[in-house]
Amino acid sequence: MHIYFEKEYHYILSIIINFLQLDDKVLIQKEKDRFMEFAKPMMADMFKEKIYFDYDFEKLEFLTQMLISQEKKDDSIFKKSKKEIIKELVCDISSCIYGRSKTNFLWVLINLAYSDDDFSESEKEVLELIVKEFNIDQEIFEELMEYAETLNATIKQIKFFNDSELPYKEIAPKIKELEETKEEIIKSLQNTLDESYLV
């Protein structure tokens, strides 16, 4: 899923990095990997030098902080709490993101929030702050939350059957059914994101 931002990539990436570390949470590798899947296409647009293509999570965190501090001519923002950092960065870019990009970005954060199977109250508060700042319809937000919960549960079921020691003939129909359900959820999600452009 592509997100159509213009030049504020480093702000977007920094918001996500700080979102993942709310409550000083130590990230699991699965969360870092999911983040880097999203970040690499943006990095390819941000930088042409190959030196940046193999950046990991920690290097990218340092880089985005450096770029934002240089632009603001002040690094005090990164001495604040994660929630305060996110709030300030969201305010900085709210006028630079338009239409469907807002809900696409919200979906990325919701999806990442579920990546550790622990959707926290702090994550919910930040998501609600973004919904308010970006003027996203509350009904759309609730729909996206439902999609995330259903999709996550379906993926867990698929993994459970794939990892089971039951005979393949027994589990194959169930896996096929779940894969079809997953595709239907993704298709319905995409329609919701497309339609949100009109709201």
N, C-alpha and C. Protein backbone atom coordinates (compact mmCIF):
# COMPACT_ATOMS: atom_id res chain seq x y z
N MET A 1 0.84 -1.19 0.00
CA MET A 1 0.00 0.00 0.00
C MET A 1 0.88 1.24 0.00
N HIS A 2 0.75 2.06 -1.03
CA HIS A 2 1.61 3.24 -1.14
C HIS A 2 0.94 4.43 -0.46
N ILE A 3 1.75 5.25 0.18
CA ILE A 3 1.23 6.45 0.83
C ILE A 3 1.81 7.66 0.10
N TYR A 4 0.95 8.57 -0.30
CA TYR A 4 1.37 9.66 -1.17
C TYR A 4 1.72 10.91 -0.37
N PHE A 5 2.94 10.96 0.14
CA PHE A 5 3.44 12.14 0.80
C PHE A 5 4.37 12.88 -0.17
N GLU A 6 4.62 14.13 0.13
CA GLU A 6 5.49 14.89 -0.74
C GLU A 6 6.92 14.86 -0.22
N LYS A 7 7.23 15.62 0.79
CA LYS A 7 8.62 15.74 1.22
C LYS A 7 8.81 15.51 2.72
N GLU A 8 7.76 15.14 3.43
CA GLU A 8 7.84 15.04 4.88
C GLU A 8 8.12 13.61 5.35
N TYR A 9 8.83 12.84 4.55
CA TYR A 9 9.09 11.44 4.89
C TYR A 9 9.74 11.29 6.26
N HIS A 10 10.72 12.14 6.54
CA HIS A 10 11.45 11.98 7.80
C HIS A 10 10.55 12.25 9.01
N TYR A 11 9.55 13.14 8.85
CA TYR A 11 8.58 13.36 9.93
C TYR A 11 7.70 12.12 10.11
N ILE A 12 7.22 11.58 8.99
CA ILE A 12 6.36 10.39 9.04
C ILE A 12 7.10 9.23 9.71
N LEU A 13 8.33 8.99 9.29
CA LEU A 13 9.10 7.89 9.86
C LEU A 13 9.37 8.11 11.34
N SER A 14 9.65 9.34 11.72
CA SER A 14 9.93 9.62 13.13
C SER A 14 8.68 9.43 13.99
N ILE A 15 7.52 9.82 13.47
CA ILE A 15 6.27 9.60 14.20
C ILE A 15 6.07 8.11 14.45
N ILE A 16 6.30 7.31 13.41
CA ILE A 16 6.10 5.87 13.55
C ILE A 16 7.10 5.26 14.53
N ILE A 17 8.36 5.68 14.43
CA ILE A 17 9.40 5.17 15.32
C ILE A 17 9.03 5.47 16.78
N ASN A 18 8.60 6.68 17.05
CA ASN A 18 8.23 7.05 18.42
C ASN A 18 6.93 6.35 18.86
N PHE A 19 6.03 6.14 17.93
CA PHE A 19 4.79 5.41 18.22
C PHE A 19 5.10 3.99 18.67
N LEU A 20 6.03 3.35 17.99
CA LEU A 20 6.40 1.98 18.34
C LEU A 20 7.08 1.88 19.71
N GLN A 21 7.64 3.01 20.17
CA GLN A 21 8.38 2.99 21.44
C GLN A 21 7.63 3.68 22.58
N LEU A 22 6.32 3.85 22.41
CA LEU A 22 5.52 4.45 23.49
C LEU A 22 5.70 3.66 24.78
N ASP A 23 5.65 4.36 25.91
CA ASP A 23 5.84 3.74 27.23
C ASP A 23 7.22 3.10 27.36
N ASP A 24 8.19 3.61 26.57
CA ASP A 24 9.57 3.10 26.60
C ASP A 24 9.63 1.59 26.34
N LYS A 25 8.74 1.16 25.46
CA LYS A 25 8.68 -0.26 25.13
C LYS A 25 9.90 -0.71 24.36
N VAL A 26 10.43 -1.88 24.71
CA VAL A 26 11.53 -2.48 23.95
C VAL A 26 10.93 -3.25 22.79
N LEU A 27 11.33 -2.91 21.58
CA LEU A 27 10.72 -3.51 20.40
C LEU A 27 11.19 -4.94 20.16
N ILE A 28 10.25 -5.77 19.73
CA ILE A 28 10.62 -7.11 19.29
C ILE A 28 11.02 -7.02 17.82
N GLN A 29 11.76 -8.01 17.34
CA GLN A 29 12.26 -7.98 15.97
C GLN A 29 11.13 -7.92 14.95
N LYS A 30 10.02 -8.57 15.25
CA LYS A 30 8.87 -8.59 14.34
C LYS A 30 8.38 -7.17 14.08
N GLU A 31 8.36 -6.33 15.12
CA GLU A 31 7.91 -4.94 14.98
C GLU A 31 8.90 -4.15 14.13
N LYS A 32 10.20 -4.35 14.38
CA LYS A 32 11.21 -3.65 13.60
C LYS A 32 11.15 -4.05 12.13
N ASP A 33 10.96 -5.34 11.88
CA ASP A 33 10.90 -5.84 10.51
C ASP A 33 9.70 -5.26 9.77
N ARG A 34 8.56 -5.21 10.46
CA ARG A 34 7.34 -4.69 9.83
C ARG A 34 7.51 -3.20 9.52
N PHE A 35 8.16 -2.50 10.44
CA PHE A 35 8.41 -1.07 10.22
C PHE A 35 9.33 -0.88 9.01
N MET A 36 10.40 -1.66 8.91
CA MET A 36 11.36 -1.49 7.83
C MET A 36 10.75 -1.82 6.47
N GLU A 37 9.79 -2.74 6.44
CA GLU A 37 9.08 -3.03 5.19
C GLU A 37 8.39 -1.76 4.68
N PHE A 38 7.83 -1.00 5.60
CA PHE A 38 7.16 0.25 5.24
C PHE A 38 8.18 1.35 4.93
N ALA A 39 9.28 1.38 5.67
CA ALA A 39 10.23 2.49 5.58
C ALA A 39 11.10 2.45 4.33
N LYS A 40 11.49 1.27 3.87
CA LYS A 40 12.46 1.18 2.78
C LYS A 40 12.04 1.87 1.50
N PRO A 41 10.78 1.72 1.04
CA PRO A 41 10.38 2.46 -0.16
C PRO A 41 10.48 3.97 0.02
N MET A 42 10.16 4.45 1.23
CA MET A 42 10.27 5.88 1.51
C MET A 42 11.72 6.32 1.51
N MET A 43 12.60 5.47 2.05
CA MET A 43 14.03 5.79 2.07
C MET A 43 14.58 5.86 0.65
N ALA A 44 14.08 5.01 -0.23
CA ALA A 44 14.54 5.01 -1.62
C ALA A 44 14.18 6.33 -2.29
N ASP A 45 13.05 6.91 -1.90
CA ASP A 45 12.65 8.21 -2.43
C ASP A 45 13.41 9.35 -1.77
N MET A 46 13.69 9.19 -0.47
CA MET A 46 14.37 10.24 0.29
C MET A 46 15.82 10.41 -0.14
N PHE A 47 16.50 9.27 -0.32
CA PHE A 47 17.94 9.29 -0.54
C PHE A 47 18.31 8.48 -1.78
N LYS A 48 19.19 9.01 -2.55
CA LYS A 48 19.63 8.29 -3.74
C LYS A 48 20.93 7.51 -3.48
N GLU A 49 21.67 7.93 -2.43
CA GLU A 49 22.93 7.27 -2.13
C GLU A 49 22.68 5.86 -1.59
N LYS A 50 23.38 4.87 -2.09
CA LYS A 50 23.16 3.48 -1.69
C LYS A 50 23.50 3.24 -0.23
N ILE A 51 24.27 4.14 0.38
CA ILE A 51 24.68 3.95 1.77
C ILE A 51 23.47 3.84 2.70
N TYR A 52 22.35 4.47 2.30
CA TYR A 52 21.19 4.48 3.17
C TYR A 52 20.30 3.26 3.00
N PHE A 53 20.49 2.49 1.93
CA PHE A 53 19.57 1.40 1.62
C PHE A 53 19.66 0.26 2.63
N ASP A 54 20.78 0.12 3.32
CA ASP A 54 20.91 -0.98 4.28
C ASP A 54 20.77 -0.50 5.73
N TYR A 55 20.15 0.65 5.92
CA TYR A 55 19.93 1.16 7.26
C TYR A 55 19.00 0.22 8.03
N ASP A 56 19.30 0.05 9.33
CA ASP A 56 18.39 -0.71 10.18
C ASP A 56 17.56 0.28 11.01
N PHE A 57 16.76 -0.24 11.91
CA PHE A 57 15.84 0.59 12.69
C PHE A 57 16.57 1.66 13.48
N GLU A 58 17.64 1.27 14.18
CA GLU A 58 18.36 2.20 15.06
C GLU A 58 19.03 3.32 14.25
N LYS A 59 19.63 2.98 13.11
CA LYS A 59 20.29 3.99 12.27
C LYS A 59 19.25 4.97 11.71
N LEU A 60 18.10 4.42 11.33
CA LEU A 60 17.06 5.28 10.76
C LEU A 60 16.47 6.21 11.82
N GLU A 61 16.37 5.72 13.05
CA GLU A 61 15.91 6.57 14.14
C GLU A 61 16.86 7.76 14.33
N PHE A 62 18.14 7.48 14.33
CA PHE A 62 19.14 8.55 14.48
C PHE A 62 19.07 9.53 13.30
N LEU A 63 18.94 9.00 12.11
CA LEU A 63 18.92 9.84 10.90
C LEU A 63 17.71 10.78 10.89
N THR A 64 16.54 10.26 11.20
CA THR A 64 15.34 11.11 11.18
C THR A 64 15.42 12.20 12.26
N GLN A 65 15.94 11.84 13.42
CA GLN A 65 16.11 12.85 14.47
C GLN A 65 17.07 13.95 14.01
N MET A 66 18.14 13.56 13.36
CA MET A 66 19.12 14.53 12.89
C MET A 66 18.51 15.48 11.85
N LEU A 67 17.77 14.92 10.90
CA LEU A 67 17.17 15.74 9.84
C LEU A 67 16.13 16.72 10.40
N ILE A 68 15.30 16.24 11.32
CA ILE A 68 14.27 17.10 11.89
C ILE A 68 14.90 18.18 12.77
N SER A 69 15.91 17.83 13.55
CA SER A 69 16.61 18.82 14.39
C SER A 69 17.27 19.90 13.54
N GLN A 70 17.85 19.49 12.42
CA GLN A 70 18.47 20.46 11.53
C GLN A 70 17.43 21.39 10.93
N GLU A 71 16.30 20.83 10.54
CA GLU A 71 15.25 21.65 9.93
C GLU A 71 14.66 22.63 10.93
N LYS A 72 14.48 22.17 12.18
CA LYS A 72 13.92 23.03 13.22
C LYS A 72 14.97 23.94 13.85
N LYS A 73 16.25 23.61 13.57
CA LYS A 73 17.37 24.31 14.21
C LYS A 73 17.29 24.20 15.73
N ASP A 74 16.83 23.05 16.18
CA ASP A 74 16.63 22.82 17.61
C ASP A 74 16.40 21.32 17.82
N ASP A 75 17.11 20.71 18.77
CA ASP A 75 16.94 19.27 19.00
C ASP A 75 16.17 18.99 20.29
N SER A 76 15.58 20.04 20.88
CA SER A 76 14.91 19.86 22.17
C SER A 76 13.67 18.98 22.08
N ILE A 77 13.07 18.90 20.89
CA ILE A 77 11.87 18.09 20.73
C ILE A 77 12.11 16.64 21.15
N PHE A 78 13.30 16.13 20.87
CA PHE A 78 13.58 14.71 21.15
C PHE A 78 13.99 14.45 22.59
N LYS A 79 13.91 15.50 23.42
CA LYS A 79 14.13 15.34 24.85
C LYS A 79 12.79 15.22 25.60
N LYS A 80 11.70 15.32 24.84
CA LYS A 80 10.36 15.23 25.41
C LYS A 80 9.91 13.77 25.46
N SER A 81 8.73 13.55 26.00
CA SER A 81 8.17 12.19 26.02
C SER A 81 7.80 11.78 24.60
N LYS A 82 7.68 10.48 24.38
CA LYS A 82 7.33 9.98 23.05
C LYS A 82 6.00 10.56 22.59
N LYS A 83 5.04 10.64 23.50
CA LYS A 83 3.71 11.16 23.15
C LYS A 83 3.79 12.63 22.75
N GLU A 84 4.61 13.41 23.46
CA GLU A 84 4.75 14.84 23.14
C GLU A 84 5.48 15.03 21.81
N ILE A 85 6.46 14.17 21.55
CA ILE A 85 7.18 14.23 20.27
C ILE A 85 6.20 13.99 19.12
N ILE A 86 5.41 12.94 19.26
CA ILE A 86 4.44 12.60 18.21
C ILE A 86 3.46 13.74 17.99
N LYS A 87 2.94 14.30 19.08
CA LYS A 87 1.96 15.39 18.97
C LYS A 87 2.53 16.57 18.20
N GLU A 88 3.76 16.94 18.52
CA GLU A 88 4.38 18.08 17.83
C GLU A 88 4.63 17.78 16.35
N LEU A 89 5.13 16.58 16.06
CA LEU A 89 5.42 16.23 14.67
C LEU A 89 4.14 16.13 13.84
N VAL A 90 3.09 15.60 14.45
CA VAL A 90 1.80 15.50 13.75
C VAL A 90 1.27 16.89 13.41
N CYS A 91 1.38 17.82 14.36
CA CYS A 91 0.96 19.21 14.11
C CYS A 91 1.78 19.83 12.99
N ASP A 92 3.07 19.49 12.95
CA ASP A 92 3.97 20.06 11.93
C ASP A 92 3.57 19.63 10.52
N ILE A 93 3.07 18.41 10.38
CA ILE A 93 2.80 17.90 9.02
C ILE A 93 1.33 17.83 8.66
N SER A 94 0.44 18.20 9.58
CA SER A 94 -1.00 18.03 9.34
C SER A 94 -1.48 18.77 8.09
N SER A 95 -0.83 19.86 7.76
CA SER A 95 -1.24 20.64 6.58
C SER A 95 -0.57 20.15 5.30
N CYS A 96 0.33 19.15 5.43
CA CYS A 96 1.07 18.65 4.27
C CYS A 96 0.54 17.32 3.76
N ILE A 97 -0.41 16.74 4.48
CA ILE A 97 -0.96 15.44 4.10
C ILE A 97 -2.42 15.63 3.71
N TYR A 98 -2.79 15.05 2.59
CA TYR A 98 -4.12 15.30 2.05
C TYR A 98 -4.89 14.00 1.82
N GLY A 99 -6.24 14.13 1.86
CA GLY A 99 -7.14 13.07 1.46
C GLY A 99 -6.82 11.70 2.00
N ARG A 100 -6.73 10.75 1.07
CA ARG A 100 -6.56 9.34 1.43
C ARG A 100 -5.25 9.09 2.16
N SER A 101 -4.24 9.92 1.95
CA SER A 101 -2.96 9.72 2.63
C SER A 101 -3.12 9.74 4.15
N LYS A 102 -4.07 10.53 4.64
CA LYS A 102 -4.28 10.60 6.09
C LYS A 102 -4.76 9.26 6.64
N THR A 103 -5.76 8.67 5.97
CA THR A 103 -6.28 7.39 6.46
C THR A 103 -5.30 6.26 6.19
N ASN A 104 -4.54 6.35 5.10
CA ASN A 104 -3.49 5.35 4.84
C ASN A 104 -2.45 5.35 5.96
N PHE A 105 -2.06 6.56 6.37
CA PHE A 105 -1.07 6.69 7.44
C PHE A 105 -1.63 6.16 8.75
N LEU A 106 -2.89 6.49 9.02
CA LEU A 106 -3.55 5.98 10.23
C LEU A 106 -3.57 4.45 10.21
N TRP A 107 -3.86 3.86 9.06
CA TRP A 107 -3.90 2.40 8.95
C TRP A 107 -2.52 1.80 9.23
N VAL A 108 -1.47 2.41 8.73
CA VAL A 108 -0.12 1.91 8.99
C VAL A 108 0.14 1.84 10.49
N LEU A 109 -0.23 2.90 11.21
CA LEU A 109 -0.01 2.93 12.66
C LEU A 109 -0.85 1.87 13.38
N ILE A 110 -2.11 1.73 12.97
CA ILE A 110 -2.97 0.70 13.59
C ILE A 110 -2.38 -0.68 13.34
N ASN A 111 -1.96 -0.93 12.12
CA ASN A 111 -1.38 -2.22 11.75
C ASN A 111 -0.13 -2.51 12.58
N LEU A 112 0.72 -1.51 12.76
CA LEU A 112 1.93 -1.68 13.56
C LEU A 112 1.59 -1.89 15.04
N ALA A 113 0.54 -1.24 15.50
CA ALA A 113 0.14 -1.39 16.91
C ALA A 113 -0.24 -2.83 17.22
N TYR A 114 -0.75 -3.55 16.24
CA TYR A 114 -1.15 -4.94 16.45
C TYR A 114 0.00 -5.92 16.23
N SER A 115 1.15 -5.44 15.77
CA SER A 115 2.23 -6.35 15.39
C SER A 115 2.84 -7.10 16.57
N ASP A 116 2.65 -6.58 17.79
CA ASP A 116 3.20 -7.29 18.97
C ASP A 116 2.10 -7.95 19.80
N ASP A 117 0.87 -7.98 19.25
CA ASP A 117 -0.27 -8.60 19.94
C ASP A 117 -0.57 -7.93 21.28
N ASP A 118 -0.20 -6.66 21.41
CA ASP A 118 -0.43 -5.95 22.67
C ASP A 118 -0.81 -4.51 22.36
N PHE A 119 -2.10 -4.30 22.10
CA PHE A 119 -2.59 -2.97 21.75
C PHE A 119 -2.78 -2.17 23.04
N SER A 120 -1.90 -1.21 23.28
CA SER A 120 -1.88 -0.51 24.57
C SER A 120 -2.79 0.71 24.59
N GLU A 121 -3.08 1.18 25.80
CA GLU A 121 -3.90 2.38 25.97
C GLU A 121 -3.18 3.61 25.41
N SER A 122 -1.85 3.65 25.56
CA SER A 122 -1.07 4.77 25.02
C SER A 122 -1.16 4.83 23.50
N GLU A 123 -1.11 3.66 22.87
CA GLU A 123 -1.22 3.61 21.41
C GLU A 123 -2.60 4.11 20.97
N LYS A 124 -3.63 3.70 21.68
CA LYS A 124 -4.98 4.15 21.35
C LYS A 124 -5.11 5.66 21.50
N GLU A 125 -4.54 6.22 22.56
CA GLU A 125 -4.60 7.66 22.79
C GLU A 125 -3.93 8.44 21.66
N VAL A 126 -2.78 7.94 21.20
CA VAL A 126 -2.06 8.61 20.11
C VAL A 126 -2.85 8.51 18.81
N LEU A 127 -3.44 7.36 18.56
CA LEU A 127 -4.25 7.19 17.35
C LEU A 127 -5.44 8.15 17.37
N GLU A 128 -6.06 8.30 18.52
CA GLU A 128 -7.20 9.22 18.64
C GLU A 128 -6.75 10.67 18.45
N LEU A 129 -5.55 10.99 18.91
CA LEU A 129 -4.98 12.33 18.71
C LEU A 129 -4.79 12.60 17.22
N ILE A 130 -4.28 11.60 16.50
CA ILE A 130 -4.05 11.74 15.05
C ILE A 130 -5.38 11.86 14.31
N VAL A 131 -6.36 11.07 14.71
CA VAL A 131 -7.69 11.16 14.11
C VAL A 131 -8.24 12.58 14.24
N LYS A 132 -8.07 13.15 15.42
CA LYS A 132 -8.57 14.51 15.68
C LYS A 132 -7.77 15.55 14.88
N GLU A 133 -6.45 15.45 14.91
CA GLU A 133 -5.59 16.43 14.23
C GLU A 133 -5.77 16.39 12.71
N PHE A 134 -5.94 15.18 12.17
CA PHE A 134 -6.11 15.01 10.72
C PHE A 134 -7.57 15.13 10.29
N ASN A 135 -8.45 15.33 11.26
CA ASN A 135 -9.88 15.48 10.97
C ASN A 135 -10.43 14.26 10.22
N ILE A 136 -10.08 13.07 10.71
CA ILE A 136 -10.55 11.82 10.13
C ILE A 136 -11.87 11.43 10.80
N ASP A 137 -12.82 11.00 10.01
CA ASP A 137 -14.12 10.61 10.54
C ASP A 137 -13.98 9.48 11.56
N GLN A 138 -14.63 9.62 12.71
CA GLN A 138 -14.55 8.63 13.79
C GLN A 138 -15.02 7.25 13.32
N GLU A 139 -16.02 7.24 12.46
CA GLU A 139 -16.55 5.97 11.97
C GLU A 139 -15.50 5.22 11.14
N ILE A 140 -14.72 5.96 10.37
CA ILE A 140 -13.65 5.35 9.57
C ILE A 140 -12.58 4.77 10.49
N PHE A 141 -12.24 5.52 11.54
CA PHE A 141 -11.27 5.05 12.52
C PHE A 141 -11.72 3.73 13.14
N GLU A 142 -12.98 3.67 13.55
CA GLU A 142 -13.50 2.45 14.16
C GLU A 142 -13.51 1.28 13.18
N GLU A 143 -13.82 1.57 11.91
CA GLU A 143 -13.79 0.53 10.88
C GLU A 143 -12.38 -0.04 10.72
N LEU A 144 -11.39 0.85 10.67
CA LEU A 144 -10.01 0.42 10.51
C LEU A 144 -9.55 -0.43 11.70
N MET A 145 -9.99 -0.06 12.89
CA MET A 145 -9.66 -0.84 14.08
C MET A 145 -10.25 -2.24 13.98
N GLU A 146 -11.47 -2.33 13.51
CA GLU A 146 -12.12 -3.64 13.34
C GLU A 146 -11.40 -4.48 12.30
N TYR A 147 -11.01 -3.85 11.19
CA TYR A 147 -10.26 -4.56 10.16
C TYR A 147 -8.96 -5.13 10.73
N ALA A 148 -8.27 -4.31 11.50
CA ALA A 148 -6.99 -4.75 12.07
C ALA A 148 -7.17 -5.94 12.99
N GLU A 149 -8.20 -5.86 13.83
CA GLU A 149 -8.45 -6.95 14.78
C GLU A 149 -8.82 -8.24 14.05
N THR A 150 -9.69 -8.13 13.06
CA THR A 150 -10.14 -9.31 12.30
C THR A 150 -9.00 -9.89 11.47
N LEU A 151 -8.24 -9.02 10.82
CA LEU A 151 -7.13 -9.47 9.99
C LEU A 151 -6.06 -10.15 10.84
N ASN A 152 -5.76 -9.56 11.99
CA ASN A 152 -4.76 -10.13 12.88
C ASN A 152 -5.19 -11.51 13.38
N ALA A 153 -6.46 -11.65 13.73
CA ALA A 153 -6.98 -12.93 14.20
C ALA A 153 -6.93 -13.99 13.10
N THR A 154 -7.25 -13.58 11.87
CA THR A 154 -7.22 -14.51 10.73
C THR A 154 -5.81 -14.99 10.44
N ILE A 155 -4.86 -14.06 10.48
CA ILE A 155 -3.45 -14.41 10.23
C ILE A 155 -2.94 -15.37 11.31
N LYS A 156 -3.37 -15.16 12.55
CA LYS A 156 -2.99 -16.06 13.65
C LYS A 156 -3.52 -17.47 13.41
N GLN A 157 -4.76 -17.55 12.93
CA GLN A 157 -5.36 -18.86 12.66
C GLN A 157 -4.61 -19.58 11.53
N ILE A 158 -4.26 -18.84 10.51
CA ILE A 158 -3.50 -19.43 9.39
C ILE A 158 -2.18 -19.98 9.90
N LYS A 159 -1.50 -19.19 10.73
CA LYS A 159 -0.22 -19.64 11.29
C LYS A 159 -0.40 -20.88 12.16
N PHE A 160 -1.48 -20.90 12.95
CA PHE A 160 -1.74 -22.04 13.81
C PHE A 160 -1.86 -23.33 13.00
N PHE A 161 -2.62 -23.29 11.94
CA PHE A 161 -2.81 -24.50 11.12
C PHE A 161 -1.54 -24.86 10.36
N ASN A 162 -0.82 -23.84 9.88
CA ASN A 162 0.43 -24.12 9.17
C ASN A 162 1.47 -24.76 10.08
N ASP A 163 1.45 -24.40 11.36
CA ASP A 163 2.42 -24.92 12.32
C ASP A 163 1.96 -26.24 12.98
N SER A 164 0.72 -26.62 12.74
CA SER A 164 0.20 -27.81 13.40
C SER A 164 0.77 -29.08 12.77
N GLU A 165 0.66 -30.15 13.51
CA GLU A 165 1.16 -31.45 13.04
C GLU A 165 0.04 -32.32 12.49
N LEU A 166 -1.12 -31.73 12.28
CA LEU A 166 -2.24 -32.46 11.70
C LEU A 166 -1.95 -32.82 10.24
N PRO A 167 -2.53 -33.90 9.72
CA PRO A 167 -2.32 -34.27 8.31
C PRO A 167 -2.72 -33.14 7.38
N TYR A 168 -1.94 -32.94 6.33
CA TYR A 168 -2.17 -31.83 5.40
C TYR A 168 -3.57 -31.88 4.81
N LYS A 169 -4.06 -33.09 4.51
CA LYS A 169 -5.39 -33.23 3.90
C LYS A 169 -6.48 -32.68 4.81
N GLU A 170 -6.23 -32.74 6.11
CA GLU A 170 -7.22 -32.24 7.07
C GLU A 170 -7.21 -30.72 7.18
N ILE A 171 -6.02 -30.15 7.13
CA ILE A 171 -5.91 -28.70 7.37
C ILE A 171 -5.95 -27.87 6.09
N ALA A 172 -5.66 -28.47 4.94
CA ALA A 172 -5.61 -27.73 3.68
C ALA A 172 -6.90 -26.97 3.38
N PRO A 173 -8.08 -27.59 3.51
CA PRO A 173 -9.32 -26.86 3.24
C PRO A 173 -9.51 -25.66 4.17
N LYS A 174 -9.15 -25.86 5.45
CA LYS A 174 -9.31 -24.77 6.42
C LYS A 174 -8.36 -23.62 6.11
N ILE A 175 -7.11 -23.95 5.74
CA ILE A 175 -6.15 -22.90 5.39
C ILE A 175 -6.63 -22.13 4.16
N LYS A 176 -7.13 -22.87 3.18
CA LYS A 176 -7.65 -22.22 1.97
C LYS A 176 -8.80 -21.27 2.30
N GLU A 177 -9.70 -21.73 3.16
CA GLU A 177 -10.83 -20.89 3.58
C GLU A 177 -10.36 -19.63 4.29
N LEU A 178 -9.37 -19.77 5.18
CA LEU A 178 -8.84 -18.62 5.91
C LEU A 178 -8.10 -17.65 4.99
N GLU A 179 -7.36 -18.18 4.03
CA GLU A 179 -6.66 -17.33 3.06
C GLU A 179 -7.67 -16.52 2.24
N GLU A 180 -8.77 -17.16 1.88
CA GLU A 180 -9.82 -16.45 1.14
C GLU A 180 -10.46 -15.37 2.00
N THR A 181 -10.65 -15.68 3.28
CA THR A 181 -11.20 -14.69 4.21
C THR A 181 -10.26 -13.50 4.34
N LYS A 182 -8.96 -13.80 4.44
CA LYS A 182 -7.96 -12.74 4.54
C LYS A 182 -8.00 -11.82 3.32
N GLU A 183 -8.10 -12.40 2.13
CA GLU A 183 -8.16 -11.62 0.90
C GLU A 183 -9.42 -10.75 0.86
N GLU A 184 -10.53 -11.28 1.35
CA GLU A 184 -11.78 -10.51 1.39
C GLU A 184 -11.65 -9.32 2.34
N ILE A 185 -11.00 -9.55 3.48
CA ILE A 185 -10.79 -8.47 4.46
C ILE A 185 -9.93 -7.37 3.84
N ILE A 186 -8.85 -7.78 3.18
CA ILE A 186 -7.94 -6.80 2.56
C ILE A 186 -8.63 -6.01 1.46
N LYS A 187 -9.45 -6.70 0.68
CA LYS A 187 -10.19 -6.03 -0.40
C LYS A 187 -11.17 -5.02 0.18
N SER A 188 -11.89 -5.43 1.22
CA SER A 188 -12.84 -4.54 1.88
C SER A 188 -12.14 -3.36 2.53
N LEU A 189 -10.98 -3.62 3.13
CA LEU A 189 -10.16 -2.56 3.73
C LEU A 189 -9.75 -1.54 2.68
N GLN A 190 -9.29 -2.03 1.53
CA GLN A 190 -8.85 -1.14 0.45
C GLN A 190 -10.00 -0.26 -0.02
N ASN A 191 -11.20 -0.83 -0.10
CA ASN A 191 -12.38 -0.05 -0.48
C ASN A 191 -12.66 1.05 0.52
N THR A 192 -12.51 0.72 1.81
CA THR A 192 -12.73 1.72 2.86
C THR A 192 -11.73 2.86 2.75
N LEU A 193 -10.47 2.50 2.50
CA LEU A 193 -9.43 3.53 2.35
C LEU A 193 -9.68 4.39 1.11
N ASP A 194 -10.10 3.75 0.04
CA ASP A 194 -10.40 4.51 -1.20
C ASP A 194 -11.58 5.46 -0.99
N GLU A 195 -12.62 4.96 -0.33
CA GLU A 195 -13.81 5.76 -0.11
C GLU A 195 -13.56 6.90 0.89
N SER A 196 -12.58 6.72 1.77
CA SER A 196 -12.28 7.76 2.76
C SER A 196 -11.79 9.03 2.10
N TYR A 197 -11.29 8.91 0.88
CA TYR A 197 -10.82 10.08 0.11
C TYR A 197 -11.97 11.04 -0.16
N LEU A 198 -13.18 10.48 -0.19
CA LEU A 198 -14.35 11.29 -0.54
C LEU A 198 -15.01 11.92 0.67
N VAL A 199 -14.59 11.46 1.88
CA VAL A 199 -15.24 11.98 3.11
C VAL A 199 -14.72 13.36 3.46
